[in-house]
């Protein structure tokens, strides 16, 4: 079941008194059920993840990165996706040995 929050923040829900039936009693009070749904802002349907797959790496060694794009929409296709990663801003002295472009080429799995 999908639960969709109508607003950002904590949304509380509490039932009325629950009743329980046992072999010796009928409609006995059993307390209330309650839950809090924490809704956060979501600015888009695409999620981008970055992972260093060769870790640890010796000084001067080569590190591999894995980028994962996840489409959170159940009804919309994700096409023509591009992104840029400024590796020099991430780690000082990092040098790009090769650039890869669109290794998925239309595939849903890479």
PDB file of N, CA and C in Angstrom:
ATOM      1  N   UNK A   1       0.840  -1.148   0.000  1.00  0.00           N
ATOM      2  CA  UNK A   1       0.000   0.000   0.000  1.00  0.00           C
ATOM      3  C   UNK A   1       0.898   1.227   0.000  1.00  0.00           C
ATOM      4  N   UNK A   2       0.621   2.193  -0.847  1.00  0.00           N
ATOM      5  CA  UNK A   2       1.327   3.450  -0.862  1.00  0.00           C
ATOM      6  C   UNK A   2       0.667   4.404   0.118  1.00  0.00           C
ATOM      7  N   UNK A   3       1.491   5.065   0.924  1.00  0.00           N
ATOM      8  CA  UNK A   3       1.004   6.109   1.817  1.00  0.00           C
ATOM      9  C   UNK A   3       1.582   7.413   1.310  1.00  0.00           C
ATOM     10  N   UNK A   4       0.723   8.368   1.006  1.00  0.00           N
ATOM     11  CA  UNK A   4       1.163   9.635   0.444  1.00  0.00           C
ATOM     12  C   UNK A   4       0.814  10.748   1.413  1.00  0.00           C
ATOM     13  N   UNK A   5       1.832  11.481   1.842  1.00  0.00           N
ATOM     14  CA  UNK A   5       1.605  12.610   2.734  1.00  0.00           C
ATOM     15  C   UNK A   5       1.178  13.824   1.942  1.00  0.00           C
ATOM     16  N   UNK A   6       0.198  14.545   2.435  1.00  0.00           N
ATOM     17  CA  UNK A   6      -0.303  15.728   1.744  1.00  0.00           C
ATOM     18  C   UNK A   6       0.487  16.976   2.050  1.00  0.00           C
ATOM     19  N   UNK A   7       1.394  16.918   3.024  1.00  0.00           N
ATOM     20  CA  UNK A   7       2.188  18.084   3.407  1.00  0.00           C
ATOM     21  C   UNK A   7       3.499  17.605   4.021  1.00  0.00           C
ATOM     22  N   UNK A   8       4.513  18.464   3.984  1.00  0.00           N
ATOM     23  CA  UNK A   8       5.807  18.151   4.597  1.00  0.00           C
ATOM     24  C   UNK A   8       5.689  18.297   6.109  1.00  0.00           C
ATOM     25  N   UNK A   9       6.281  17.369   6.850  1.00  0.00           N
ATOM     26  CA  UNK A   9       6.280  17.427   8.310  1.00  0.00           C
ATOM     27  C   UNK A   9       5.840  16.116   8.918  1.00  0.00           C
ATOM     28  N   UNK A  10       5.549  16.165  10.212  1.00  0.00           N
ATOM     29  CA  UNK A  10       5.083  14.980  10.936  1.00  0.00           C
ATOM     30  C   UNK A  10       3.567  14.934  10.872  1.00  0.00           C
ATOM     31  N   UNK A  11       3.042  13.840  10.376  1.00  0.00           N
ATOM     32  CA  UNK A  11       1.598  13.659  10.267  1.00  0.00           C
ATOM     33  C   UNK A  11       1.186  12.518  11.196  1.00  0.00           C
ATOM     34  N   UNK A  12       0.358  12.833  12.180  1.00  0.00           N
ATOM     35  CA  UNK A  12      -0.065  11.844  13.176  1.00  0.00           C
ATOM     36  C   UNK A  12      -1.405  11.231  12.798  1.00  0.00           C
ATOM     37  N   UNK A  13      -1.560   9.984  13.189  1.00  0.00           N
ATOM     38  CA  UNK A  13      -2.822   9.281  12.965  1.00  0.00           C
ATOM     39  C   UNK A  13      -3.085   8.411  14.192  1.00  0.00           C
ATOM     40  N   UNK A  14      -4.296   8.489  14.708  1.00  0.00           N
ATOM     41  CA  UNK A  14      -4.661   7.681  15.866  1.00  0.00           C
ATOM     42  C   UNK A  14      -6.061   7.129  15.660  1.00  0.00           C
ATOM     43  N   UNK A  15      -6.238   5.848  15.988  1.00  0.00           N
ATOM     44  CA  UNK A  15      -7.550   5.224  15.847  1.00  0.00           C
ATOM     45  C   UNK A  15      -8.407   5.535  17.069  1.00  0.00           C
ATOM     46  N   UNK A  16      -9.665   5.239  16.952  1.00  0.00           N
ATOM     47  CA  UNK A  16     -10.540   5.268  18.127  1.00  0.00           C
ATOM     48  C   UNK A  16     -10.235   4.011  18.946  1.00  0.00           C
ATOM     49  N   UNK A  17     -10.909   3.850  20.043  1.00  0.00           N
ATOM     50  CA  UNK A  17     -10.688   2.678  20.901  1.00  0.00           C
ATOM     51  C   UNK A  17     -10.901   1.383  20.115  1.00  0.00           C
ATOM     52  N   UNK A  18      -9.918   0.491  20.179  1.00  0.00           N
ATOM     53  CA  UNK A  18     -10.024  -0.815  19.530  1.00  0.00           C
ATOM     54  C   UNK A  18     -10.678  -1.801  20.495  1.00  0.00           C
ATOM     55  N   UNK A  19     -11.482  -2.661  19.950  1.00  0.00           N
ATOM     56  CA  UNK A  19     -12.159  -3.656  20.766  1.00  0.00           C
ATOM     57  C   UNK A  19     -11.672  -5.046  20.378  1.00  0.00           C
ATOM     58  N   UNK A  20     -11.561  -5.922  21.344  1.00  0.00           N
ATOM     59  CA  UNK A  20     -11.089  -7.271  21.098  1.00  0.00           C
ATOM     60  C   UNK A  20     -12.125  -8.276  21.617  1.00  0.00           C
ATOM     61  N   UNK A  21     -12.227  -9.364  20.908  1.00  0.00           N
ATOM     62  CA  UNK A  21     -13.109 -10.458  21.330  1.00  0.00           C
ATOM     63  C   UNK A  21     -12.245 -11.646  21.724  1.00  0.00           C
ATOM     64  N   UNK A  22     -12.512 -12.202  22.868  1.00  0.00           N
ATOM     65  CA  UNK A  22     -11.809 -13.396  23.328  1.00  0.00           C
ATOM     66  C   UNK A  22     -12.844 -14.496  23.545  1.00  0.00           C
ATOM     67  N   UNK A  23     -12.409 -15.712  23.822  1.00  0.00           N
ATOM     68  CA  UNK A  23     -13.390 -16.785  24.070  1.00  0.00           C
ATOM     69  C   UNK A  23     -14.281 -16.507  25.279  1.00  0.00           C
ATOM     70  N   UNK A  24     -13.823 -15.657  26.212  1.00  0.00           N
ATOM     71  CA  UNK A  24     -14.614 -15.413  27.431  1.00  0.00           C
ATOM     72  C   UNK A  24     -15.242 -14.026  27.486  1.00  0.00           C
ATOM     73  N   UNK A  25     -14.874 -13.129  26.567  1.00  0.00           N
ATOM     74  CA  UNK A  25     -15.457 -11.780  26.612  1.00  0.00           C
ATOM     75  C   UNK A  25     -15.678 -11.257  25.195  1.00  0.00           C
ATOM     76  N   UNK A  26     -16.540 -10.251  25.107  1.00  0.00           N
ATOM     77  CA  UNK A  26     -16.909  -9.706  23.816  1.00  0.00           C
ATOM     78  C   UNK A  26     -16.760  -8.184  23.864  1.00  0.00           C
ATOM     79  N   UNK A  27     -16.110  -7.608  22.830  1.00  0.00           N
ATOM     80  CA  UNK A  27     -15.916  -6.155  22.708  1.00  0.00           C
ATOM     81  C   UNK A  27     -15.235  -5.519  23.919  1.00  0.00           C
ATOM     82  N   UNK A  28     -14.151  -6.108  24.336  1.00  0.00           N
ATOM     83  CA  UNK A  28     -13.384  -5.547  25.451  1.00  0.00           C
ATOM     84  C   UNK A  28     -12.420  -4.489  24.930  1.00  0.00           C
ATOM     85  N   UNK A  29     -12.301  -3.322  25.606  1.00  0.00           N
ATOM     86  CA  UNK A  29     -11.372  -2.271  25.171  1.00  0.00           C
ATOM     87  C   UNK A  29      -9.929  -2.787  25.157  1.00  0.00           C
ATOM     88  N   UNK A  30      -9.194  -2.473  24.076  1.00  0.00           N
ATOM     89  CA  UNK A  30      -7.812  -2.939  23.938  1.00  0.00           C
ATOM     90  C   UNK A  30      -6.835  -1.779  23.719  1.00  0.00           C
ATOM     91  N   UNK A  31      -7.316  -0.546  23.818  1.00  0.00           N
ATOM     92  CA  UNK A  31      -6.442   0.603  23.620  1.00  0.00           C
ATOM     93  C   UNK A  31      -6.578   1.170  22.215  1.00  0.00           C
ATOM     94  N   UNK A  32      -5.705   2.089  21.893  1.00  0.00           N
ATOM     95  CA  UNK A  32      -5.724   2.753  20.592  1.00  0.00           C
ATOM     96  C   UNK A  32      -4.441   2.417  19.835  1.00  0.00           C
ATOM     97  N   UNK A  33      -4.498   2.510  18.522  1.00  0.00           N
ATOM     98  CA  UNK A  33      -3.311   2.358  17.678  1.00  0.00           C
ATOM     99  C   UNK A  33      -2.948   3.744  17.155  1.00  0.00           C
ATOM    100  N   UNK A  34      -1.650   4.026  17.107  1.00  0.00           N
ATOM    101  CA  UNK A  34      -1.199   5.337  16.634  1.00  0.00           C
ATOM    102  C   UNK A  34       0.084   5.181  15.832  1.00  0.00           C
ATOM    103  N   UNK A  35       0.291   6.109  14.924  1.00  0.00           N
ATOM    104  CA  UNK A  35       1.511   6.122  14.120  1.00  0.00           C
ATOM    105  C   UNK A  35       1.796   7.558  13.688  1.00  0.00           C
ATOM    106  N   UNK A  36       3.068   7.837  13.455  1.00  0.00           N
ATOM    107  CA  UNK A  36       3.477   9.144  12.947  1.00  0.00           C
ATOM    108  C   UNK A  36       4.206   8.915  11.632  1.00  0.00           C
ATOM    109  N   UNK A  37       3.758   9.597  10.591  1.00  0.00           N
ATOM    110  CA  UNK A  37       4.401   9.531   9.279  1.00  0.00           C
ATOM    111  C   UNK A  37       5.250  10.782   9.117  1.00  0.00           C
ATOM    112  N   UNK A  38       6.553  10.608   8.901  1.00  0.00           N
ATOM    113  CA  UNK A  38       7.443  11.751   8.682  1.00  0.00           C
ATOM    114  C   UNK A  38       7.569  11.956   7.182  1.00  0.00           C
ATOM    115  N   UNK A  39       7.077  13.089   6.676  1.00  0.00           N
ATOM    116  CA  UNK A  39       7.092  13.389   5.250  1.00  0.00           C
ATOM    117  C   UNK A  39       8.165  14.435   4.991  1.00  0.00           C
ATOM    118  N   UNK A  40       9.078  14.108   4.074  1.00  0.00           N
ATOM    119  CA  UNK A  40      10.132  15.052   3.704  1.00  0.00           C
ATOM    120  C   UNK A  40       9.886  15.554   2.285  1.00  0.00           C
ATOM    121  N   UNK A  41      10.470  16.707   1.992  1.00  0.00           N
ATOM    122  CA  UNK A  41      10.312  17.281   0.658  1.00  0.00           C
ATOM    123  C   UNK A  41      11.093  16.458  -0.345  1.00  0.00           C
ATOM    124  N   UNK A  42      10.511  16.218  -1.487  1.00  0.00           N
ATOM    125  CA  UNK A  42      11.171  15.483  -2.562  1.00  0.00           C
ATOM    126  C   UNK A  42      11.085  16.341  -3.806  1.00  0.00           C
ATOM    127  N   UNK A  43      12.239  16.761  -4.316  1.00  0.00           N
ATOM    128  CA  UNK A  43      12.267  17.740  -5.400  1.00  0.00           C
ATOM    129  C   UNK A  43      12.290  17.130  -6.787  1.00  0.00           C
ATOM    130  N   UNK A  44      12.244  15.851  -6.902  1.00  0.00           N
ATOM    131  CA  UNK A  44      12.284  15.254  -8.224  1.00  0.00           C
ATOM    132  C   UNK A  44      12.037  13.766  -8.177  1.00  0.00           C
ATOM    133  N   UNK A  45      11.873  13.214  -9.337  1.00  0.00           N
ATOM    134  CA  UNK A  45      11.587  11.794  -9.426  1.00  0.00           C
ATOM    135  C   UNK A  45      12.820  10.972  -9.749  1.00  0.00           C
ATOM    136  N   UNK A  46      13.952  11.634 -10.009  1.00  0.00           N
ATOM    137  CA  UNK A  46      15.191  10.915 -10.295  1.00  0.00           C
ATOM    138  C   UNK A  46      16.129  11.024  -9.107  1.00  0.00           C
ATOM    139  N   UNK A  47      16.784   9.903  -8.799  1.00  0.00           N
ATOM    140  CA  UNK A  47      17.746   9.869  -7.715  1.00  0.00           C
ATOM    141  C   UNK A  47      19.088   9.450  -8.300  1.00  0.00           C
ATOM    142  N   UNK A  48      20.148  10.165  -7.959  1.00  0.00           N
ATOM    143  CA  UNK A  48      21.489   9.864  -8.454  1.00  0.00           C
ATOM    144  C   UNK A  48      22.366   9.444  -7.293  1.00  0.00           C
ATOM    145  N   UNK A  49      22.990   8.273  -7.426  1.00  0.00           N
ATOM    146  CA  UNK A  49      23.905   7.796  -6.405  1.00  0.00           C
ATOM    147  C   UNK A  49      25.306   7.658  -6.959  1.00  0.00           C
ATOM    148  N   UNK A  50      26.305   7.881  -6.105  1.00  0.00           N
ATOM    149  CA  UNK A  50      27.711   7.739  -6.510  1.00  0.00           C
ATOM    150  C   UNK A  50      28.414   6.890  -5.467  1.00  0.00           C
ATOM    151  N   UNK A  51      29.153   5.895  -5.945  1.00  0.00           N
ATOM    152  CA  UNK A  51      29.833   4.971  -5.038  1.00  0.00           C
ATOM    153  C   UNK A  51      31.249   4.703  -5.549  1.00  0.00           C
ATOM    154  N   UNK A  52      32.222   4.799  -4.652  1.00  0.00           N
ATOM    155  CA  UNK A  52      33.591   4.404  -4.977  1.00  0.00           C
ATOM    156  C   UNK A  52      33.654   2.889  -4.789  1.00  0.00           C
ATOM    157  N   UNK A  53      33.798   2.134  -5.895  1.00  0.00           N
ATOM    158  CA  UNK A  53      33.710   0.676  -5.809  1.00  0.00           C
ATOM    159  C   UNK A  53      35.041   0.003  -5.495  1.00  0.00           C
ATOM    160  N   UNK A  54      36.133   0.688  -5.669  1.00  0.00           N
ATOM    161  CA  UNK A  54      37.442   0.117  -5.316  1.00  0.00           C
ATOM    162  C   UNK A  54      37.972   0.902  -4.123  1.00  0.00           C
ATOM    163  N   UNK A  55      37.655   0.423  -2.926  1.00  0.00           N
ATOM    164  CA  UNK A  55      37.993   1.146  -1.713  1.00  0.00           C
ATOM    165  C   UNK A  55      38.470   0.140  -0.680  1.00  0.00           C
ATOM    166  N   UNK A  56      39.629   0.274  -0.103  1.00  0.00           N
ATOM    167  CA  UNK A  56      40.560   1.394  -0.221  1.00  0.00           C
ATOM    168  C   UNK A  56      41.440   1.284  -1.462  1.00  0.00           C
ATOM    169  N   UNK A  57      42.095   2.392  -1.769  1.00  0.00           N
ATOM    170  CA  UNK A  57      42.998   2.468  -2.917  1.00  0.00           C
ATOM    171  C   UNK A  57      44.329   3.001  -2.434  1.00  0.00           C
ATOM    172  N   UNK A  58      45.411   2.398  -2.909  1.00  0.00           N
ATOM    173  CA  UNK A  58      46.750   2.864  -2.539  1.00  0.00           C
ATOM    174  C   UNK A  58      47.004   4.243  -3.129  1.00  0.00           C
ATOM    175  N   UNK A  59      47.846   5.052  -2.496  1.00  0.00           N
ATOM    176  CA  UNK A  59      48.190   6.361  -3.055  1.00  0.00           C
ATOM    177  C   UNK A  59      48.701   6.215  -4.481  1.00  0.00           C
ATOM    178  N   UNK A  60      48.169   7.028  -5.389  1.00  0.00           N
ATOM    179  CA  UNK A  60      48.559   6.971  -6.790  1.00  0.00           C
ATOM    180  C   UNK A  60      47.830   5.900  -7.572  1.00  0.00           C
ATOM    181  N   UNK A  61      46.971   5.126  -6.908  1.00  0.00           N
ATOM    182  CA  UNK A  61      46.250   4.048  -7.562  1.00  0.00           C
ATOM    183  C   UNK A  61      45.033   4.556  -8.322  1.00  0.00           C
ATOM    184  N   UNK A  62      44.332   3.626  -8.925  1.00  0.00           N
ATOM    185  CA  UNK A  62      43.150   3.942  -9.706  1.00  0.00           C
ATOM    186  C   UNK A  62      41.906   3.560  -8.912  1.00  0.00           C
ATOM    187  N   UNK A  63      40.929   4.427  -8.925  1.00  0.00           N
ATOM    188  CA  UNK A  63      39.677   4.174  -8.230  1.00  0.00           C
ATOM    189  C   UNK A  63      38.547   4.123  -9.265  1.00  0.00           C
ATOM    190  N   UNK A  64      37.606   3.254  -9.046  1.00  0.00           N
ATOM    191  CA  UNK A  64      36.447   3.153  -9.931  1.00  0.00           C
ATOM    192  C   UNK A  64      35.231   3.755  -9.250  1.00  0.00           C
ATOM    193  N   UNK A  65      34.436   4.462 -10.041  1.00  0.00           N
ATOM    194  CA  UNK A  65      33.201   5.050  -9.546  1.00  0.00           C
ATOM    195  C   UNK A  65      32.016   4.374 -10.213  1.00  0.00           C
ATOM    196  N   UNK A  66      30.962   4.214  -9.440  1.00  0.00           N
ATOM    197  CA  UNK A  66      29.710   3.678  -9.983  1.00  0.00           C
ATOM    198  C   UNK A  66      28.624   4.714  -9.736  1.00  0.00           C
ATOM    199  N   UNK A  67      27.979   5.148 -10.810  1.00  0.00           N
ATOM    200  CA  UNK A  67      26.860   6.068 -10.722  1.00  0.00           C
ATOM    201  C   UNK A  67      25.583   5.285 -10.985  1.00  0.00           C
ATOM    202  N   UNK A  68      24.594   5.482 -10.143  1.00  0.00           N
ATOM    203  CA  UNK A  68      23.315   4.806 -10.303  1.00  0.00           C
ATOM    204  C   UNK A  68      22.213   5.846 -10.399  1.00  0.00           C
ATOM    205  N   UNK A  69      21.426   5.781 -11.469  1.00  0.00           N
ATOM    206  CA  UNK A  69      20.279   6.662 -11.642  1.00  0.00           C
ATOM    207  C   UNK A  69      19.026   5.823 -11.410  1.00  0.00           C
ATOM    208  N   UNK A  70      18.184   6.268 -10.475  1.00  0.00           N
ATOM    209  CA  UNK A  70      16.964   5.557 -10.140  1.00  0.00           C
ATOM    210  C   UNK A  70      15.764   6.437 -10.460  1.00  0.00           C
ATOM    211  N   UNK A  71      14.844   5.900 -11.216  1.00  0.00           N
ATOM    212  CA  UNK A  71      13.610   6.604 -11.545  1.00  0.00           C
ATOM    213  C   UNK A  71      12.557   6.227 -10.507  1.00  0.00           C
ATOM    214  N   UNK A  72      12.122   7.188  -9.698  1.00  0.00           N
ATOM    215  CA  UNK A  72      11.145   6.945  -8.635  1.00  0.00           C
ATOM    216  C   UNK A  72       9.700   7.017  -9.125  1.00  0.00           C
ATOM    217  N   UNK A  73       9.499   7.356 -10.383  1.00  0.00           N
ATOM    218  CA  UNK A  73       8.153   7.454 -10.918  1.00  0.00           C
ATOM    219  C   UNK A  73       7.646   6.075 -11.318  1.00  0.00           C
ATOM    220  N   UNK A  74       6.402   5.812 -11.008  1.00  0.00           N
ATOM    221  CA  UNK A  74       5.798   4.540 -11.411  1.00  0.00           C
ATOM    222  C   UNK A  74       5.161   4.635 -12.782  1.00  0.00           C
ATOM    223  N   UNK A  75       5.003   5.867 -13.283  1.00  0.00           N
ATOM    224  CA  UNK A  75       4.290   6.008 -14.540  1.00  0.00           C
ATOM    225  C   UNK A  75       5.067   6.735 -15.636  1.00  0.00           C
ATOM    226  N   UNK A  76       6.150   7.432 -15.301  1.00  0.00           N
ATOM    227  CA  UNK A  76       6.898   8.208 -16.288  1.00  0.00           C
ATOM    228  C   UNK A  76       8.254   7.579 -16.570  1.00  0.00           C
ATOM    229  N   UNK A  77       8.616   7.515 -17.850  1.00  0.00           N
ATOM    230  CA  UNK A  77       9.929   7.026 -18.244  1.00  0.00           C
ATOM    231  C   UNK A  77      10.966   8.117 -18.030  1.00  0.00           C
ATOM    232  N   UNK A  78      12.183   7.717 -17.756  1.00  0.00           N
ATOM    233  CA  UNK A  78      13.291   8.668 -17.622  1.00  0.00           C
ATOM    234  C   UNK A  78      14.160   8.542 -18.866  1.00  0.00           C
ATOM    235  N   UNK A  79      14.208   9.591 -19.671  1.00  0.00           N
ATOM    236  CA  UNK A  79      14.984   9.575 -20.910  1.00  0.00           C
ATOM    237  C   UNK A  79      15.861  10.812 -20.972  1.00  0.00           C
ATOM    238  N   UNK A  80      16.875  10.767 -21.823  1.00  0.00           N
ATOM    239  CA  UNK A  80      17.789  11.894 -22.059  1.00  0.00           C
ATOM    240  C   UNK A  80      18.364  12.426 -20.753  1.00  0.00           C
ATOM    241  N   UNK A  81      18.864  11.543 -19.915  1.00  0.00           N
ATOM    242  CA  UNK A  81      19.416  11.923 -18.618  1.00  0.00           C
ATOM    243  C   UNK A  81      20.887  12.300 -18.786  1.00  0.00           C
ATOM    244  N   UNK A  82      21.271  13.431 -18.252  1.00  0.00           N
ATOM    245  CA  UNK A  82      22.676  13.841 -18.221  1.00  0.00           C
ATOM    246  C   UNK A  82      23.003  14.373 -16.838  1.00  0.00           C
ATOM    247  N   UNK A  83      24.261  14.256 -16.432  1.00  0.00           N
ATOM    248  CA  UNK A  83      24.712  14.858 -15.178  1.00  0.00           C
ATOM    249  C   UNK A  83      26.209  15.100 -15.282  1.00  0.00           C
ATOM    250  N   UNK A  84      26.697  15.971 -14.421  1.00  0.00           N
ATOM    251  CA  UNK A  84      28.123  16.308 -14.372  1.00  0.00           C
ATOM    252  C   UNK A  84      28.603  16.107 -12.944  1.00  0.00           C
ATOM    253  N   UNK A  85      29.791  15.545 -12.786  1.00  0.00           N
ATOM    254  CA  UNK A  85      30.372  15.352 -11.468  1.00  0.00           C
ATOM    255  C   UNK A  85      31.731  16.034 -11.453  1.00  0.00           C
ATOM    256  N   UNK A  86      31.898  17.049 -10.622  1.00  0.00           N
ATOM    257  CA  UNK A  86      33.162  17.781 -10.503  1.00  0.00           C
ATOM    258  C   UNK A  86      34.052  17.035  -9.512  1.00  0.00           C
ATOM    259  N   UNK A  87      34.835  16.093 -10.028  1.00  0.00           N
ATOM    260  CA  UNK A  87      35.666  15.257  -9.162  1.00  0.00           C
ATOM    261  C   UNK A  87      36.735  16.057  -8.418  1.00  0.00           C
ATOM    262  N   UNK A  88      37.247  17.098  -9.036  1.00  0.00           N
ATOM    263  CA  UNK A  88      38.267  17.915  -8.385  1.00  0.00           C
ATOM    264  C   UNK A  88      37.703  18.597  -7.134  1.00  0.00           C
ATOM    265  N   UNK A  89      36.426  18.919  -7.139  1.00  0.00           N
ATOM    266  CA  UNK A  89      35.810  19.528  -5.966  1.00  0.00           C
ATOM    267  C   UNK A  89      35.610  18.506  -4.856  1.00  0.00           C
ATOM    268  N   UNK A  90      35.503  17.240  -5.222  1.00  0.00           N
ATOM    269  CA  UNK A  90      35.294  16.179  -4.239  1.00  0.00           C
ATOM    270  C   UNK A  90      36.581  15.859  -3.493  1.00  0.00           C
ATOM    271  N   UNK A  91      37.637  15.619  -4.224  1.00  0.00           N
ATOM    272  CA  UNK A  91      38.934  15.274  -3.632  1.00  0.00           C
ATOM    273  C   UNK A  91      40.028  16.071  -4.325  1.00  0.00           C
ATOM    274  N   UNK A  92      40.783  16.840  -3.578  1.00  0.00           N
ATOM    275  CA  UNK A  92      41.859  17.638  -4.164  1.00  0.00           C
ATOM    276  C   UNK A  92      42.900  16.726  -4.797  1.00  0.00           C
ATOM    277  N   UNK A  93      43.361  17.095  -5.981  1.00  0.00           N
ATOM    278  CA  UNK A  93      44.396  16.340  -6.664  1.00  0.00           C
ATOM    279  C   UNK A  93      43.901  15.170  -7.474  1.00  0.00           C
ATOM    280  N   UNK A  94      42.594  14.971  -7.544  1.00  0.00           N
ATOM    281  CA  UNK A  94      42.034  13.862  -8.308  1.00  0.00           C
ATOM    282  C   UNK A  94      42.159  14.152  -9.800  1.00  0.00           C
ATOM    283  N   UNK A  95      42.580  13.163 -10.559  1.00  0.00           N
ATOM    284  CA  UNK A  95      42.745  13.303 -12.001  1.00  0.00           C
ATOM    285  C   UNK A  95      41.850  12.287 -12.693  1.00  0.00           C
ATOM    286  N   UNK A  96      41.093  12.742 -13.678  1.00  0.00           N
ATOM    287  CA  UNK A  96      40.224  11.842 -14.434  1.00  0.00           C
ATOM    288  C   UNK A  96      41.058  11.136 -15.488  1.00  0.00           C
ATOM    289  N   UNK A  97      41.080   9.810 -15.446  1.00  0.00           N
ATOM    290  CA  UNK A  97      41.859   9.041 -16.414  1.00  0.00           C
ATOM    291  C   UNK A  97      41.040   8.739 -17.658  1.00  0.00           C
ATOM    292  N   UNK A  98      39.734   8.657 -17.523  1.00  0.00           N
ATOM    293  CA  UNK A  98      38.863   8.364 -18.657  1.00  0.00           C
ATOM    294  C   UNK A  98      37.484   8.899 -18.358  1.00  0.00           C
ATOM    295  N   UNK A  99      36.809   9.351 -19.369  1.00  0.00           N
ATOM    296  CA  UNK A  99      35.427   9.795 -19.205  1.00  0.00           C
ATOM    297  C   UNK A  99      34.524   8.825 -19.947  1.00  0.00           C
ATOM    298  N   UNK A 100      33.458   8.445 -19.322  1.00  0.00           N
ATOM    299  CA  UNK A 100      32.514   7.512 -19.916  1.00  0.00           C
ATOM    300  C   UNK A 100      31.216   8.258 -20.157  1.00  0.00           C
ATOM    301  N   UNK A 101      30.606   8.026 -21.288  1.00  0.00           N
ATOM    302  CA  UNK A 101      29.343   8.687 -21.593  1.00  0.00           C
ATOM    303  C   UNK A 101      28.306   7.662 -21.992  1.00  0.00           C
ATOM    304  N   UNK A 102      27.184   7.642 -21.285  1.00  0.00           N
ATOM    305  CA  UNK A 102      26.022   6.824 -21.622  1.00  0.00           C
ATOM    306  C   UNK A 102      26.356   5.345 -21.832  1.00  0.00           C
ATOM    307  N   UNK A 103      26.854   4.700 -20.784  1.00  0.00           N
ATOM    308  CA  UNK A 103      27.179   3.278 -20.904  1.00  0.00           C
ATOM    309  C   UNK A 103      25.920   2.419 -20.965  1.00  0.00           C
ATOM    310  N   UNK A 104      24.783   2.968 -20.578  1.00  0.00           N
ATOM    311  CA  UNK A 104      23.539   2.189 -20.621  1.00  0.00           C
ATOM    312  C   UNK A 104      22.923   2.158 -22.011  1.00  0.00           C
ATOM    313  N   UNK A 105      23.071   3.229 -22.751  1.00  0.00           N
ATOM    314  CA  UNK A 105      22.581   3.325 -24.142  1.00  0.00           C
ATOM    315  C   UNK A 105      21.161   2.788 -24.302  1.00  0.00           C
ATOM    316  N   UNK A 106      20.255   3.299 -23.480  1.00  0.00           N
ATOM    317  CA  UNK A 106      18.864   2.913 -23.611  1.00  0.00           C
ATOM    318  C   UNK A 106      18.459   1.714 -22.762  1.00  0.00           C
ATOM    319  N   UNK A 107      19.390   1.069 -22.127  1.00  0.00           N
ATOM    320  CA  UNK A 107      19.093  -0.094 -21.298  1.00  0.00           C
ATOM    321  C   UNK A 107      18.485   0.348 -19.966  1.00  0.00           C
ATOM    322  N   UNK A 108      17.706  -0.511 -19.342  1.00  0.00           N
ATOM    323  CA  UNK A 108      17.191  -0.215 -18.015  1.00  0.00           C
ATOM    324  C   UNK A 108      18.133  -0.716 -16.937  1.00  0.00           C
ATOM    325  N   UNK A 109      19.055  -1.577 -17.272  1.00  0.00           N
ATOM    326  CA  UNK A 109      20.027  -2.104 -16.314  1.00  0.00           C
ATOM    327  C   UNK A 109      21.419  -2.032 -16.943  1.00  0.00           C
ATOM    328  N   UNK A 110      22.402  -1.623 -16.162  1.00  0.00           N
ATOM    329  CA  UNK A 110      23.788  -1.580 -16.650  1.00  0.00           C
ATOM    330  C   UNK A 110      24.698  -2.302 -15.682  1.00  0.00           C
TER     331      UNK A 110
END
